[in-house]
């Protein structure tokens, strides 16, 4: 056990581990993570110079039209924070829904 934790809280008086909680029926075990690989994730997104973009201004809560002065590239790490596209979100949700098994137990 981490020394810093025991210095602050002393030794635990009880331990109840994840695996035991699953066996006891208190938790539902999880499936292994599913990684959805998209072309966007692999290549990012690029707009050519002079393309008209809609840019959301958080100060005014308005969409503004903006012509790119230069080529604009967005990597996947920034994509979900900077680019909003309903079609992309719908496609990802559909792919995940195809992967999920509705017969598996879940939270009630």
PDB file of N, CA and C in Angstrom:
ATOM      1  N   UNK A   1       0.844  -1.182   0.000  1.00  0.00           N
ATOM      2  CA  UNK A   1       0.000   0.000   0.000  1.00  0.00           C
ATOM      3  C   UNK A   1       0.885   1.239   0.000  1.00  0.00           C
ATOM      4  N   UNK A   2       0.428   2.314  -0.627  1.00  0.00           N
ATOM      5  CA  UNK A   2       1.160   3.561  -0.732  1.00  0.00           C
ATOM      6  C   UNK A   2       1.435   4.147   0.653  1.00  0.00           C
ATOM      7  N   UNK A   3       2.700   4.488   0.916  1.00  0.00           N
ATOM      8  CA  UNK A   3       3.079   5.022   2.229  1.00  0.00           C
ATOM      9  C   UNK A   3       2.357   6.310   2.560  1.00  0.00           C
ATOM     10  N   UNK A   4       2.196   7.198   1.564  1.00  0.00           N
ATOM     11  CA  UNK A   4       1.522   8.475   1.809  1.00  0.00           C
ATOM     12  C   UNK A   4       0.087   8.249   2.256  1.00  0.00           C
ATOM     13  N   UNK A   5      -0.573   7.274   1.654  1.00  0.00           N
ATOM     14  CA  UNK A   5      -1.962   6.987   2.016  1.00  0.00           C
ATOM     15  C   UNK A   5      -2.034   6.482   3.450  1.00  0.00           C
ATOM     16  N   UNK A   6      -1.149   5.558   3.808  1.00  0.00           N
ATOM     17  CA  UNK A   6      -1.198   5.021   5.172  1.00  0.00           C
ATOM     18  C   UNK A   6      -0.768   6.063   6.205  1.00  0.00           C
ATOM     19  N   UNK A   7       0.079   7.013   5.826  1.00  0.00           N
ATOM     20  CA  UNK A   7       0.465   8.081   6.755  1.00  0.00           C
ATOM     21  C   UNK A   7      -0.728   8.963   7.072  1.00  0.00           C
ATOM     22  N   UNK A   8      -1.567   9.214   6.091  1.00  0.00           N
ATOM     23  CA  UNK A   8      -2.719  10.101   6.286  1.00  0.00           C
ATOM     24  C   UNK A   8      -3.895   9.345   6.899  1.00  0.00           C
ATOM     25  N   UNK A   9      -4.216   8.176   6.353  1.00  0.00           N
ATOM     26  CA  UNK A   9      -5.432   7.472   6.735  1.00  0.00           C
ATOM     27  C   UNK A   9      -5.194   6.245   7.607  1.00  0.00           C
ATOM     28  N   UNK A  10      -3.962   5.869   7.854  1.00  0.00           N
ATOM     29  CA  UNK A  10      -3.610   4.649   8.582  1.00  0.00           C
ATOM     30  C   UNK A  10      -3.979   3.431   7.735  1.00  0.00           C
ATOM     31  N   UNK A  11      -3.862   2.260   8.268  1.00  0.00           N
ATOM     32  CA  UNK A  11      -4.152   1.036   7.515  1.00  0.00           C
ATOM     33  C   UNK A  11      -5.662   0.881   7.328  1.00  0.00           C
ATOM     34  N   UNK A  12      -6.071   0.302   6.195  1.00  0.00           N
ATOM     35  CA  UNK A  12      -7.507   0.124   5.976  1.00  0.00           C
ATOM     36  C   UNK A  12      -8.095  -0.853   6.997  1.00  0.00           C
ATOM     37  N   UNK A  13      -9.349  -0.585   7.370  1.00  0.00           N
ATOM     38  CA  UNK A  13     -10.020  -1.490   8.309  1.00  0.00           C
ATOM     39  C   UNK A  13     -10.839  -2.529   7.559  1.00  0.00           C
ATOM     40  N   UNK A  14     -11.064  -2.294   6.246  1.00  0.00           N
ATOM     41  CA  UNK A  14     -11.845  -3.230   5.451  1.00  0.00           C
ATOM     42  C   UNK A  14     -11.464  -3.052   3.982  1.00  0.00           C
ATOM     43  N   UNK A  15     -11.392  -4.137   3.245  1.00  0.00           N
ATOM     44  CA  UNK A  15     -11.117  -4.077   1.806  1.00  0.00           C
ATOM     45  C   UNK A  15     -12.188  -4.878   1.081  1.00  0.00           C
ATOM     46  N   UNK A  16     -12.694  -4.308   0.013  1.00  0.00           N
ATOM     47  CA  UNK A  16     -13.702  -4.978  -0.815  1.00  0.00           C
ATOM     48  C   UNK A  16     -13.325  -4.691  -2.263  1.00  0.00           C
ATOM     49  N   UNK A  17     -12.832  -5.691  -2.952  1.00  0.00           N
ATOM     50  CA  UNK A  17     -12.273  -5.493  -4.272  1.00  0.00           C
ATOM     51  C   UNK A  17     -13.326  -5.610  -5.372  1.00  0.00           C
ATOM     52  N   UNK A  18     -13.020  -5.017  -6.484  1.00  0.00           N
ATOM     53  CA  UNK A  18     -13.909  -5.006  -7.647  1.00  0.00           C
ATOM     54  C   UNK A  18     -14.373  -6.416  -8.013  1.00  0.00           C
ATOM     55  N   UNK A  19     -13.445  -7.336  -8.173  1.00  0.00           N
ATOM     56  CA  UNK A  19     -13.777  -8.706  -8.595  1.00  0.00           C
ATOM     57  C   UNK A  19     -14.778  -9.347  -7.635  1.00  0.00           C
ATOM     58  N   UNK A  20     -14.579  -9.145  -6.329  1.00  0.00           N
ATOM     59  CA  UNK A  20     -15.501  -9.727  -5.347  1.00  0.00           C
ATOM     60  C   UNK A  20     -16.884  -9.085  -5.449  1.00  0.00           C
ATOM     61  N   UNK A  21     -16.935  -7.775  -5.704  1.00  0.00           N
ATOM     62  CA  UNK A  21     -18.220  -7.088  -5.857  1.00  0.00           C
ATOM     63  C   UNK A  21     -18.973  -7.615  -7.068  1.00  0.00           C
ATOM     64  N   UNK A  22     -18.264  -7.968  -8.140  1.00  0.00           N
ATOM     65  CA  UNK A  22     -18.895  -8.566  -9.322  1.00  0.00           C
ATOM     66  C   UNK A  22     -19.440  -9.946  -8.962  1.00  0.00           C
ATOM     67  N   UNK A  23     -18.641 -10.755  -8.293  1.00  0.00           N
ATOM     68  CA  UNK A  23     -19.063 -12.100  -7.896  1.00  0.00           C
ATOM     69  C   UNK A  23     -20.287 -12.037  -6.983  1.00  0.00           C
ATOM     70  N   UNK A  24     -20.295 -11.056  -6.084  1.00  0.00           N
ATOM     71  CA  UNK A  24     -21.409 -10.904  -5.146  1.00  0.00           C
ATOM     72  C   UNK A  24     -22.655 -10.299  -5.788  1.00  0.00           C
ATOM     73  N   UNK A  25     -22.521  -9.812  -7.025  1.00  0.00           N
ATOM     74  CA  UNK A  25     -23.676  -9.253  -7.717  1.00  0.00           C
ATOM     75  C   UNK A  25     -23.920  -7.773  -7.482  1.00  0.00           C
ATOM     76  N   UNK A  26     -23.010  -7.083  -6.809  1.00  0.00           N
ATOM     77  CA  UNK A  26     -23.169  -5.650  -6.576  1.00  0.00           C
ATOM     78  C   UNK A  26     -22.740  -4.823  -7.782  1.00  0.00           C
ATOM     79  N   UNK A  27     -21.807  -5.329  -8.567  1.00  0.00           N
ATOM     80  CA  UNK A  27     -21.343  -4.643  -9.769  1.00  0.00           C
ATOM     81  C   UNK A  27     -21.505  -5.554 -10.974  1.00  0.00           C
ATOM     82  N   UNK A  28     -21.668  -4.951 -12.143  1.00  0.00           N
ATOM     83  CA  UNK A  28     -21.712  -5.698 -13.395  1.00  0.00           C
ATOM     84  C   UNK A  28     -20.340  -5.562 -14.033  1.00  0.00           C
ATOM     85  N   UNK A  29     -19.739  -6.676 -14.369  1.00  0.00           N
ATOM     86  CA  UNK A  29     -18.404  -6.646 -14.963  1.00  0.00           C
ATOM     87  C   UNK A  29     -18.445  -5.914 -16.300  1.00  0.00           C
ATOM     88  N   UNK A  30     -17.376  -5.269 -16.641  1.00  0.00           N
ATOM     89  CA  UNK A  30     -17.309  -4.516 -17.887  1.00  0.00           C
ATOM     90  C   UNK A  30     -16.714  -5.368 -19.000  1.00  0.00           C
ATOM     91  N   UNK A  31     -17.058  -4.963 -20.230  1.00  0.00           N
ATOM     92  CA  UNK A  31     -16.441  -5.597 -21.391  1.00  0.00           C
ATOM     93  C   UNK A  31     -15.082  -4.945 -21.620  1.00  0.00           C
ATOM     94  N   UNK A  32     -14.205  -5.620 -22.348  1.00  0.00           N
ATOM     95  CA  UNK A  32     -12.938  -4.963 -22.690  1.00  0.00           C
ATOM     96  C   UNK A  32     -13.217  -3.704 -23.511  1.00  0.00           C
ATOM     97  N   UNK A  33     -12.361  -2.696 -23.424  1.00  0.00           N
ATOM     98  CA  UNK A  33     -12.588  -1.463 -24.183  1.00  0.00           C
ATOM     99  C   UNK A  33     -12.645  -1.734 -25.686  1.00  0.00           C
ATOM    100  N   UNK A  34     -13.440  -0.959 -26.368  1.00  0.00           N
ATOM    101  CA  UNK A  34     -13.570  -1.071 -27.816  1.00  0.00           C
ATOM    102  C   UNK A  34     -13.006   0.197 -28.425  1.00  0.00           C
ATOM    103  N   UNK A  35     -12.026   0.070 -29.286  1.00  0.00           N
ATOM    104  CA  UNK A  35     -11.406   1.232 -29.927  1.00  0.00           C
ATOM    105  C   UNK A  35     -11.921   1.338 -31.344  1.00  0.00           C
ATOM    106  N   UNK A  36     -12.609   2.409 -31.609  1.00  0.00           N
ATOM    107  CA  UNK A  36     -13.153   2.678 -32.929  1.00  0.00           C
ATOM    108  C   UNK A  36     -12.138   3.532 -33.692  1.00  0.00           C
ATOM    109  N   UNK A  37     -11.598   3.004 -34.765  1.00  0.00           N
ATOM    110  CA  UNK A  37     -10.603   3.724 -35.550  1.00  0.00           C
ATOM    111  C   UNK A  37     -11.296   4.320 -36.766  1.00  0.00           C
ATOM    112  N   UNK A  38     -11.171   5.632 -36.914  1.00  0.00           N
ATOM    113  CA  UNK A  38     -11.763   6.333 -38.053  1.00  0.00           C
ATOM    114  C   UNK A  38     -10.657   6.956 -38.895  1.00  0.00           C
ATOM    115  N   UNK A  39     -10.993   7.287 -40.111  1.00  0.00           N
ATOM    116  CA  UNK A  39     -10.029   7.990 -40.959  1.00  0.00           C
ATOM    117  C   UNK A  39      -9.662   9.327 -40.330  1.00  0.00           C
ATOM    118  N   UNK A  40     -10.650   9.961 -39.701  1.00  0.00           N
ATOM    119  CA  UNK A  40     -10.403  11.224 -39.014  1.00  0.00           C
ATOM    120  C   UNK A  40      -9.363  11.050 -37.910  1.00  0.00           C
ATOM    121  N   UNK A  41      -9.477   9.959 -37.148  1.00  0.00           N
ATOM    122  CA  UNK A  41      -8.516   9.706 -36.069  1.00  0.00           C
ATOM    123  C   UNK A  41      -7.111   9.494 -36.620  1.00  0.00           C
ATOM    124  N   UNK A  42      -7.040   8.877 -37.782  1.00  0.00           N
ATOM    125  CA  UNK A  42      -5.737   8.584 -38.378  1.00  0.00           C
ATOM    126  C   UNK A  42      -5.129   9.801 -39.079  1.00  0.00           C
ATOM    127  N   UNK A  43      -5.952  10.597 -39.754  1.00  0.00           N
ATOM    128  CA  UNK A  43      -5.431  11.662 -40.614  1.00  0.00           C
ATOM    129  C   UNK A  43      -5.679  13.074 -40.096  1.00  0.00           C
ATOM    130  N   UNK A  44      -6.612  13.247 -39.147  1.00  0.00           N
ATOM    131  CA  UNK A  44      -6.982  14.589 -38.730  1.00  0.00           C
ATOM    132  C   UNK A  44      -7.900  15.211 -39.767  1.00  0.00           C
ATOM    133  N   UNK A  45      -8.059  16.517 -39.713  1.00  0.00           N
ATOM    134  CA  UNK A  45      -8.956  17.215 -40.631  1.00  0.00           C
ATOM    135  C   UNK A  45      -8.269  18.488 -41.123  1.00  0.00           C
ATOM    136  N   UNK A  46      -8.403  18.771 -42.401  1.00  0.00           N
ATOM    137  CA  UNK A  46      -7.749  19.944 -42.983  1.00  0.00           C
ATOM    138  C   UNK A  46      -8.729  20.699 -43.870  1.00  0.00           C
ATOM    139  N   UNK A  47      -8.736  22.021 -43.722  1.00  0.00           N
ATOM    140  CA  UNK A  47      -9.491  22.902 -44.611  1.00  0.00           C
ATOM    141  C   UNK A  47      -8.488  23.703 -45.427  1.00  0.00           C
ATOM    142  N   UNK A  48      -8.752  23.835 -46.704  1.00  0.00           N
ATOM    143  CA  UNK A  48      -7.866  24.583 -47.586  1.00  0.00           C
ATOM    144  C   UNK A  48      -8.034  26.089 -47.360  1.00  0.00           C
ATOM    145  N   UNK A  49      -7.091  26.852 -47.836  1.00  0.00           N
ATOM    146  CA  UNK A  49      -7.123  28.307 -47.741  1.00  0.00           C
ATOM    147  C   UNK A  49      -8.355  28.848 -48.452  1.00  0.00           C
ATOM    148  N   UNK A  50      -9.035  29.815 -47.816  1.00  0.00           N
ATOM    149  CA  UNK A  50     -10.172  30.472 -48.429  1.00  0.00           C
ATOM    150  C   UNK A  50     -11.500  29.758 -48.247  1.00  0.00           C
ATOM    151  N   UNK A  51     -11.515  28.664 -47.533  1.00  0.00           N
ATOM    152  CA  UNK A  51     -12.765  27.931 -47.305  1.00  0.00           C
ATOM    153  C   UNK A  51     -13.582  28.655 -46.246  1.00  0.00           C
ATOM    154  N   UNK A  52     -14.892  28.733 -46.457  1.00  0.00           N
ATOM    155  CA  UNK A  52     -15.772  29.365 -45.486  1.00  0.00           C
ATOM    156  C   UNK A  52     -16.102  28.362 -44.386  1.00  0.00           C
ATOM    157  N   UNK A  53     -15.856  28.753 -43.134  1.00  0.00           N
ATOM    158  CA  UNK A  53     -16.121  27.892 -41.980  1.00  0.00           C
ATOM    159  C   UNK A  53     -17.098  28.604 -41.058  1.00  0.00           C
ATOM    160  N   UNK A  54     -17.872  27.802 -40.334  1.00  0.00           N
ATOM    161  CA  UNK A  54     -18.687  28.349 -39.251  1.00  0.00           C
ATOM    162  C   UNK A  54     -17.882  28.175 -37.969  1.00  0.00           C
ATOM    163  N   UNK A  55     -17.686  29.277 -37.241  1.00  0.00           N
ATOM    164  CA  UNK A  55     -16.910  29.248 -36.003  1.00  0.00           C
ATOM    165  C   UNK A  55     -17.816  29.709 -34.866  1.00  0.00           C
ATOM    166  N   UNK A  56     -17.880  28.908 -33.807  1.00  0.00           N
ATOM    167  CA  UNK A  56     -18.710  29.228 -32.650  1.00  0.00           C
ATOM    168  C   UNK A  56     -17.931  30.125 -31.712  1.00  0.00           C
ATOM    169  N   UNK A  57     -18.511  31.291 -31.401  1.00  0.00           N
ATOM    170  CA  UNK A  57     -17.892  32.244 -30.481  1.00  0.00           C
ATOM    171  C   UNK A  57     -18.500  32.023 -29.100  1.00  0.00           C
ATOM    172  N   UNK A  58     -17.700  31.524 -28.158  1.00  0.00           N
ATOM    173  CA  UNK A  58     -18.238  31.204 -26.840  1.00  0.00           C
ATOM    174  C   UNK A  58     -18.640  32.454 -26.061  1.00  0.00           C
ATOM    175  N   UNK A  59     -18.051  33.601 -26.379  1.00  0.00           N
ATOM    176  CA  UNK A  59     -18.414  34.837 -25.665  1.00  0.00           C
ATOM    177  C   UNK A  59     -19.798  35.313 -26.045  1.00  0.00           C
ATOM    178  N   UNK A  60     -20.157  35.171 -27.336  1.00  0.00           N
ATOM    179  CA  UNK A  60     -21.456  35.667 -27.797  1.00  0.00           C
ATOM    180  C   UNK A  60     -22.473  34.549 -28.003  1.00  0.00           C
ATOM    181  N   UNK A  61     -22.045  33.315 -27.910  1.00  0.00           N
ATOM    182  CA  UNK A  61     -22.902  32.140 -28.172  1.00  0.00           C
ATOM    183  C   UNK A  61     -23.484  32.172 -29.583  1.00  0.00           C
ATOM    184  N   UNK A  62     -22.717  32.673 -30.518  1.00  0.00           N
ATOM    185  CA  UNK A  62     -23.169  32.793 -31.900  1.00  0.00           C
ATOM    186  C   UNK A  62     -22.211  32.061 -32.842  1.00  0.00           C
ATOM    187  N   UNK A  63     -22.764  31.574 -33.955  1.00  0.00           N
ATOM    188  CA  UNK A  63     -21.932  31.039 -35.027  1.00  0.00           C
ATOM    189  C   UNK A  63     -21.564  32.191 -35.949  1.00  0.00           C
ATOM    190  N   UNK A  64     -20.299  32.281 -36.305  1.00  0.00           N
ATOM    191  CA  UNK A  64     -19.838  33.325 -37.215  1.00  0.00           C
ATOM    192  C   UNK A  64     -19.200  32.672 -38.425  1.00  0.00           C
ATOM    193  N   UNK A  65     -19.390  33.286 -39.599  1.00  0.00           N
ATOM    194  CA  UNK A  65     -18.731  32.798 -40.805  1.00  0.00           C
ATOM    195  C   UNK A  65     -17.316  33.341 -40.837  1.00  0.00           C
ATOM    196  N   UNK A  66     -16.396  32.491 -41.246  1.00  0.00           N
ATOM    197  CA  UNK A  66     -14.976  32.830 -41.213  1.00  0.00           C
ATOM    198  C   UNK A  66     -14.328  32.212 -42.436  1.00  0.00           C
ATOM    199  N   UNK A  67     -13.584  32.999 -43.204  1.00  0.00           N
ATOM    200  CA  UNK A  67     -12.828  32.481 -44.349  1.00  0.00           C
ATOM    201  C   UNK A  67     -11.404  32.197 -43.895  1.00  0.00           C
ATOM    202  N   UNK A  68     -10.951  30.961 -44.121  1.00  0.00           N
ATOM    203  CA  UNK A  68      -9.619  30.586 -43.668  1.00  0.00           C
ATOM    204  C   UNK A  68      -8.551  31.359 -44.446  1.00  0.00           C
ATOM    205  N   UNK A  69      -7.676  32.094 -43.749  1.00  0.00           N
ATOM    206  CA  UNK A  69      -6.621  32.839 -44.426  1.00  0.00           C
ATOM    207  C   UNK A  69      -5.518  31.913 -44.943  1.00  0.00           C
ATOM    208  N   UNK A  70      -5.318  30.808 -44.278  1.00  0.00           N
ATOM    209  CA  UNK A  70      -4.319  29.810 -44.639  1.00  0.00           C
ATOM    210  C   UNK A  70      -4.961  28.437 -44.464  1.00  0.00           C
ATOM    211  N   UNK A  71      -4.214  27.402 -44.787  1.00  0.00           N
ATOM    212  CA  UNK A  71      -4.694  26.050 -44.547  1.00  0.00           C
ATOM    213  C   UNK A  71      -4.845  25.840 -43.036  1.00  0.00           C
ATOM    214  N   UNK A  72      -5.938  25.226 -42.625  1.00  0.00           N
ATOM    215  CA  UNK A  72      -6.200  24.965 -41.211  1.00  0.00           C
ATOM    216  C   UNK A  72      -6.254  23.462 -41.003  1.00  0.00           C
ATOM    217  N   UNK A  73      -5.429  22.947 -40.090  1.00  0.00           N
ATOM    218  CA  UNK A  73      -5.416  21.523 -39.778  1.00  0.00           C
ATOM    219  C   UNK A  73      -5.772  21.327 -38.313  1.00  0.00           C
ATOM    220  N   UNK A  74      -6.577  20.296 -38.052  1.00  0.00           N
ATOM    221  CA  UNK A  74      -6.971  19.962 -36.686  1.00  0.00           C
ATOM    222  C   UNK A  74      -6.645  18.498 -36.464  1.00  0.00           C
ATOM    223  N   UNK A  75      -5.843  18.197 -35.430  1.00  0.00           N
ATOM    224  CA  UNK A  75      -5.527  16.812 -35.103  1.00  0.00           C
ATOM    225  C   UNK A  75      -6.647  16.246 -34.231  1.00  0.00           C
ATOM    226  N   UNK A  76      -6.762  14.931 -34.186  1.00  0.00           N
ATOM    227  CA  UNK A  76      -7.859  14.280 -33.470  1.00  0.00           C
ATOM    228  C   UNK A  76      -7.889  14.661 -31.994  1.00  0.00           C
ATOM    229  N   UNK A  77      -6.732  14.916 -31.383  1.00  0.00           N
ATOM    230  CA  UNK A  77      -6.708  15.290 -29.969  1.00  0.00           C
ATOM    231  C   UNK A  77      -7.499  16.578 -29.732  1.00  0.00           C
ATOM    232  N   UNK A  78      -7.493  17.476 -30.709  1.00  0.00           N
ATOM    233  CA  UNK A  78      -8.213  18.739 -30.588  1.00  0.00           C
ATOM    234  C   UNK A  78      -9.602  18.687 -31.213  1.00  0.00           C
ATOM    235  N   UNK A  79      -9.861  17.657 -32.014  1.00  0.00           N
ATOM    236  CA  UNK A  79     -11.086  17.617 -32.812  1.00  0.00           C
ATOM    237  C   UNK A  79     -12.345  17.770 -31.973  1.00  0.00           C
ATOM    238  N   UNK A  80     -12.499  16.952 -30.941  1.00  0.00           N
ATOM    239  CA  UNK A  80     -13.730  16.983 -30.157  1.00  0.00           C
ATOM    240  C   UNK A  80     -13.897  18.265 -29.356  1.00  0.00           C
ATOM    241  N   UNK A  81     -12.822  18.990 -29.143  1.00  0.00           N
ATOM    242  CA  UNK A  81     -12.924  20.261 -28.441  1.00  0.00           C
ATOM    243  C   UNK A  81     -13.177  21.424 -29.390  1.00  0.00           C
ATOM    244  N   UNK A  82     -12.784  21.275 -30.669  1.00  0.00           N
ATOM    245  CA  UNK A  82     -12.848  22.413 -31.581  1.00  0.00           C
ATOM    246  C   UNK A  82     -13.835  22.265 -32.726  1.00  0.00           C
ATOM    247  N   UNK A  83     -14.212  21.050 -33.064  1.00  0.00           N
ATOM    248  CA  UNK A  83     -15.068  20.832 -34.233  1.00  0.00           C
ATOM    249  C   UNK A  83     -16.334  20.109 -33.783  1.00  0.00           C
ATOM    250  N   UNK A  84     -17.473  20.672 -34.133  1.00  0.00           N
ATOM    251  CA  UNK A  84     -18.748  20.040 -33.807  1.00  0.00           C
ATOM    252  C   UNK A  84     -19.390  19.600 -35.109  1.00  0.00           C
ATOM    253  N   UNK A  85     -19.627  18.315 -35.242  1.00  0.00           N
ATOM    254  CA  UNK A  85     -20.271  17.800 -36.438  1.00  0.00           C
ATOM    255  C   UNK A  85     -21.228  16.684 -36.054  1.00  0.00           C
ATOM    256  N   UNK A  86     -22.507  16.917 -36.264  1.00  0.00           N
ATOM    257  CA  UNK A  86     -23.537  15.957 -35.897  1.00  0.00           C
ATOM    258  C   UNK A  86     -23.369  14.636 -36.654  1.00  0.00           C
ATOM    259  N   UNK A  87     -22.983  14.709 -37.925  1.00  0.00           N
ATOM    260  CA  UNK A  87     -22.822  13.485 -38.719  1.00  0.00           C
ATOM    261  C   UNK A  87     -21.735  12.578 -38.146  1.00  0.00           C
ATOM    262  N   UNK A  88     -20.614  13.158 -37.728  1.00  0.00           N
ATOM    263  CA  UNK A  88     -19.529  12.363 -37.138  1.00  0.00           C
ATOM    264  C   UNK A  88     -20.011  11.687 -35.862  1.00  0.00           C
ATOM    265  N   UNK A  89     -20.679  12.446 -34.989  1.00  0.00           N
ATOM    266  CA  UNK A  89     -21.177  11.891 -33.734  1.00  0.00           C
ATOM    267  C   UNK A  89     -22.184  10.769 -33.993  1.00  0.00           C
ATOM    268  N   UNK A  90     -23.062  10.953 -34.967  1.00  0.00           N
ATOM    269  CA  UNK A  90     -24.055   9.933 -35.302  1.00  0.00           C
ATOM    270  C   UNK A  90     -23.371   8.654 -35.800  1.00  0.00           C
ATOM    271  N   UNK A  91     -22.368   8.815 -36.651  1.00  0.00           N
ATOM    272  CA  UNK A  91     -21.643   7.664 -37.198  1.00  0.00           C
ATOM    273  C   UNK A  91     -20.936   6.879 -36.100  1.00  0.00           C
ATOM    274  N   UNK A  92     -20.293   7.570 -35.180  1.00  0.00           N
ATOM    275  CA  UNK A  92     -19.603   6.907 -34.071  1.00  0.00           C
ATOM    276  C   UNK A  92     -20.617   6.178 -33.189  1.00  0.00           C
ATOM    277  N   UNK A  93     -21.735   6.813 -32.884  1.00  0.00           N
ATOM    278  CA  UNK A  93     -22.760   6.171 -32.047  1.00  0.00           C
ATOM    279  C   UNK A  93     -23.330   4.927 -32.721  1.00  0.00           C
ATOM    280  N   UNK A  94     -23.553   4.994 -34.027  1.00  0.00           N
ATOM    281  CA  UNK A  94     -24.068   3.828 -34.746  1.00  0.00           C
ATOM    282  C   UNK A  94     -23.056   2.680 -34.717  1.00  0.00           C
ATOM    283  N   UNK A  95     -21.782   2.989 -34.900  1.00  0.00           N
ATOM    284  CA  UNK A  95     -20.757   1.951 -34.876  1.00  0.00           C
ATOM    285  C   UNK A  95     -20.660   1.317 -33.496  1.00  0.00           C
ATOM    286  N   UNK A  96     -20.756   2.121 -32.450  1.00  0.00           N
ATOM    287  CA  UNK A  96     -20.712   1.578 -31.094  1.00  0.00           C
ATOM    288  C   UNK A  96     -21.949   0.735 -30.800  1.00  0.00           C
ATOM    289  N   UNK A  97     -23.110   1.179 -31.270  1.00  0.00           N
ATOM    290  CA  UNK A  97     -24.351   0.428 -31.049  1.00  0.00           C
ATOM    291  C   UNK A  97     -24.287  -0.943 -31.716  1.00  0.00           C
ATOM    292  N   UNK A  98     -23.624  -1.029 -32.859  1.00  0.00           N
ATOM    293  CA  UNK A  98     -23.471  -2.314 -33.541  1.00  0.00           C
ATOM    294  C   UNK A  98     -22.570  -3.262 -32.755  1.00  0.00           C
ATOM    295  N   UNK A  99     -21.659  -2.695 -31.978  1.00  0.00           N
ATOM    296  CA  UNK A  99     -20.703  -3.489 -31.208  1.00  0.00           C
ATOM    297  C   UNK A  99     -21.305  -3.985 -29.884  1.00  0.00           C
ATOM    298  N   UNK A 100     -22.259  -3.250 -29.319  1.00  0.00           N
ATOM    299  CA  UNK A 100     -22.820  -3.597 -28.014  1.00  0.00           C
ATOM    300  C   UNK A 100     -23.803  -4.752 -28.132  1.00  0.00           C
ATOM    301  N   UNK A 101     -23.783  -5.622 -27.170  1.00  0.00           N
ATOM    302  CA  UNK A 101     -24.699  -6.751 -27.118  1.00  0.00           C
ATOM    303  C   UNK A 101     -25.801  -6.435 -26.108  1.00  0.00           C
ATOM    304  N   UNK A 102     -27.035  -6.193 -26.571  1.00  0.00           N
ATOM    305  CA  UNK A 102     -28.105  -5.826 -25.630  1.00  0.00           C
ATOM    306  C   UNK A 102     -28.490  -6.955 -24.680  1.00  0.00           C
ATOM    307  N   UNK A 103     -28.050  -8.188 -24.962  1.00  0.00           N
ATOM    308  CA  UNK A 103     -28.369  -9.305 -24.090  1.00  0.00           C
ATOM    309  C   UNK A 103     -27.457  -9.371 -22.854  1.00  0.00           C
ATOM    310  N   UNK A 104     -26.374  -8.619 -22.884  1.00  0.00           N
ATOM    311  CA  UNK A 104     -25.463  -8.631 -21.736  1.00  0.00           C
ATOM    312  C   UNK A 104     -26.116  -7.922 -20.547  1.00  0.00           C
ATOM    313  N   UNK A 105     -25.789  -8.350 -19.327  1.00  0.00           N
ATOM    314  CA  UNK A 105     -26.377  -7.676 -18.167  1.00  0.00           C
ATOM    315  C   UNK A 105     -25.828  -6.258 -18.063  1.00  0.00           C
ATOM    316  N   UNK A 106     -26.623  -5.390 -17.494  1.00  0.00           N
ATOM    317  CA  UNK A 106     -26.199  -4.004 -17.313  1.00  0.00           C
ATOM    318  C   UNK A 106     -26.833  -3.423 -16.074  1.00  0.00           C
ATOM    319  N   UNK A 107     -26.631  -2.152 -15.862  1.00  0.00           N
ATOM    320  CA  UNK A 107     -27.254  -1.499 -14.704  1.00  0.00           C
ATOM    321  C   UNK A 107     -28.754  -1.464 -14.888  1.00  0.00           C
ATOM    322  N   UNK A 108     -29.443  -1.616 -13.789  1.00  0.00           N
ATOM    323  CA  UNK A 108     -30.915  -1.563 -13.835  1.00  0.00           C
ATOM    324  C   UNK A 108     -31.394  -0.309 -13.183  1.00  0.00           C
TER     325      UNK A 108
END
